[in-house]
Amino acid sequence: MHDCLRSQIFATAQQLRIHTSNELRLHVGVRAAVIIESCTNIRMAPYR
């Protein structure tokens, strides 16, 4: 994902990559890794 702004995202994936994004709420179920680069104000929670 690239260039997201003020969003709430629910995702299940093998791997999640987030770049140049701001003000996200992530609810994730990821088996491998979450990679976050050049982002600000990111909140993470388990996917339910």
C-alpha atoms as a PDB file:
ATOM      1  CA  MET A   1       0.000   0.000   0.000  1.00  0.00           C
ATOM      2  CA  HIS A   2       1.247   3.485  -0.825  1.00  0.00           C
ATOM      3  CA  ASP A   3       0.152   7.034  -0.006  1.00  0.00           C
ATOM      4  CA  CYS A   4      -2.864   6.273   2.201  1.00  0.00           C
ATOM      5  CA  LEU A   5      -4.250   9.046   4.417  1.00  0.00           C
ATOM      6  CA  ARG A   6      -6.664   8.960   7.390  1.00  0.00           C
ATOM      7  CA  SER A   7      -7.916   5.421   6.798  1.00  0.00           C
ATOM      8  CA  GLN A   8      -8.949   2.361   8.756  1.00  0.00           C
ATOM      9  CA  ILE A   9      -7.859  -0.885   7.123  1.00  0.00           C
ATOM     10  CA  PHE A  10      -8.753  -4.492   7.975  1.00  0.00           C
ATOM     11  CA  ALA A  11      -6.480  -7.058   6.323  1.00  0.00           C
ATOM     12  CA  THR A  12      -5.326 -10.651   6.502  1.00  0.00           C
ATOM     13  CA  ALA A  13      -2.263 -11.476   4.441  1.00  0.00           C
ATOM     14  CA  GLN A  14       0.983 -13.390   4.258  1.00  0.00           C
ATOM     15  CA  GLN A  15       2.911 -10.096   4.371  1.00  0.00           C
ATOM     16  CA  LEU A  16       1.819  -6.454   4.499  1.00  0.00           C
ATOM     17  CA  ARG A  17       3.914  -3.530   3.224  1.00  0.00           C
ATOM     18  CA  ILE A  18       2.942   0.078   3.872  1.00  0.00           C
ATOM     19  CA  HIS A  19       4.835   3.059   2.429  1.00  0.00           C
ATOM     20  CA  THR A  20       4.490   6.859   2.666  1.00  0.00           C
ATOM     21  CA  SER A  21       1.174   6.785   4.520  1.00  0.00           C
ATOM     22  CA  ASN A  22      -0.216   8.853   7.398  1.00  0.00           C
ATOM     23  CA  GLU A  23      -2.861   8.500  10.101  1.00  0.00           C
ATOM     24  CA  LEU A  24      -3.782   4.846   9.600  1.00  0.00           C
ATOM     25  CA  ARG A  25      -5.524   2.381  11.870  1.00  0.00           C
ATOM     26  CA  LEU A  26      -4.520  -1.124  10.868  1.00  0.00           C
ATOM     27  CA  HIS A  27      -6.327  -4.250  12.052  1.00  0.00           C
ATOM     28  CA  VAL A  28      -4.081  -6.994  10.728  1.00  0.00           C
ATOM     29  CA  GLY A  29      -3.725 -10.747  10.732  1.00  0.00           C
ATOM     30  CA  VAL A  30      -0.332 -11.353   9.130  1.00  0.00           C
ATOM     31  CA  ARG A  31       1.672 -14.598   9.136  1.00  0.00           C
ATOM     32  CA  ALA A  32       5.075 -13.207   8.169  1.00  0.00           C
ATOM     33  CA  ALA A  33       5.796  -9.495   8.634  1.00  0.00           C
ATOM     34  CA  VAL A  34       4.344  -6.026   8.553  1.00  0.00           C
ATOM     35  CA  ILE A  35       6.797  -3.641   6.889  1.00  0.00           C
ATOM     36  CA  ILE A  36       6.224   0.065   7.498  1.00  0.00           C
ATOM     37  CA  GLU A  37       8.427   2.659   5.772  1.00  0.00           C
ATOM     38  CA  SER A  38       8.198   6.478   5.717  1.00  0.00           C
ATOM     39  CA  CYS A  39       4.886   6.537   7.607  1.00  0.00           C
ATOM     40  CA  THR A  40       3.575   8.586  10.531  1.00  0.00           C
ATOM     41  CA  ASN A  41       0.827   8.113  13.113  1.00  0.00           C
ATOM     42  CA  ILE A  42       0.170   4.415  12.467  1.00  0.00           C
ATOM     43  CA  ARG A  43      -1.874   2.425  14.991  1.00  0.00           C
ATOM     44  CA  MET A  44      -2.002  -1.354  14.867  1.00  0.00           C
ATOM     45  CA  ALA A  45      -4.364  -3.889  16.398  1.00  0.00           C
ATOM     46  CA  PRO A  46      -5.063  -7.589  15.834  1.00  0.00           C
ATOM     47  CA  TYR A  47      -7.615  -8.473  13.165  1.00  0.00           C
ATOM     48  CA  ARG A  48     -10.831  -9.669  14.812  1.00  0.00           C
END
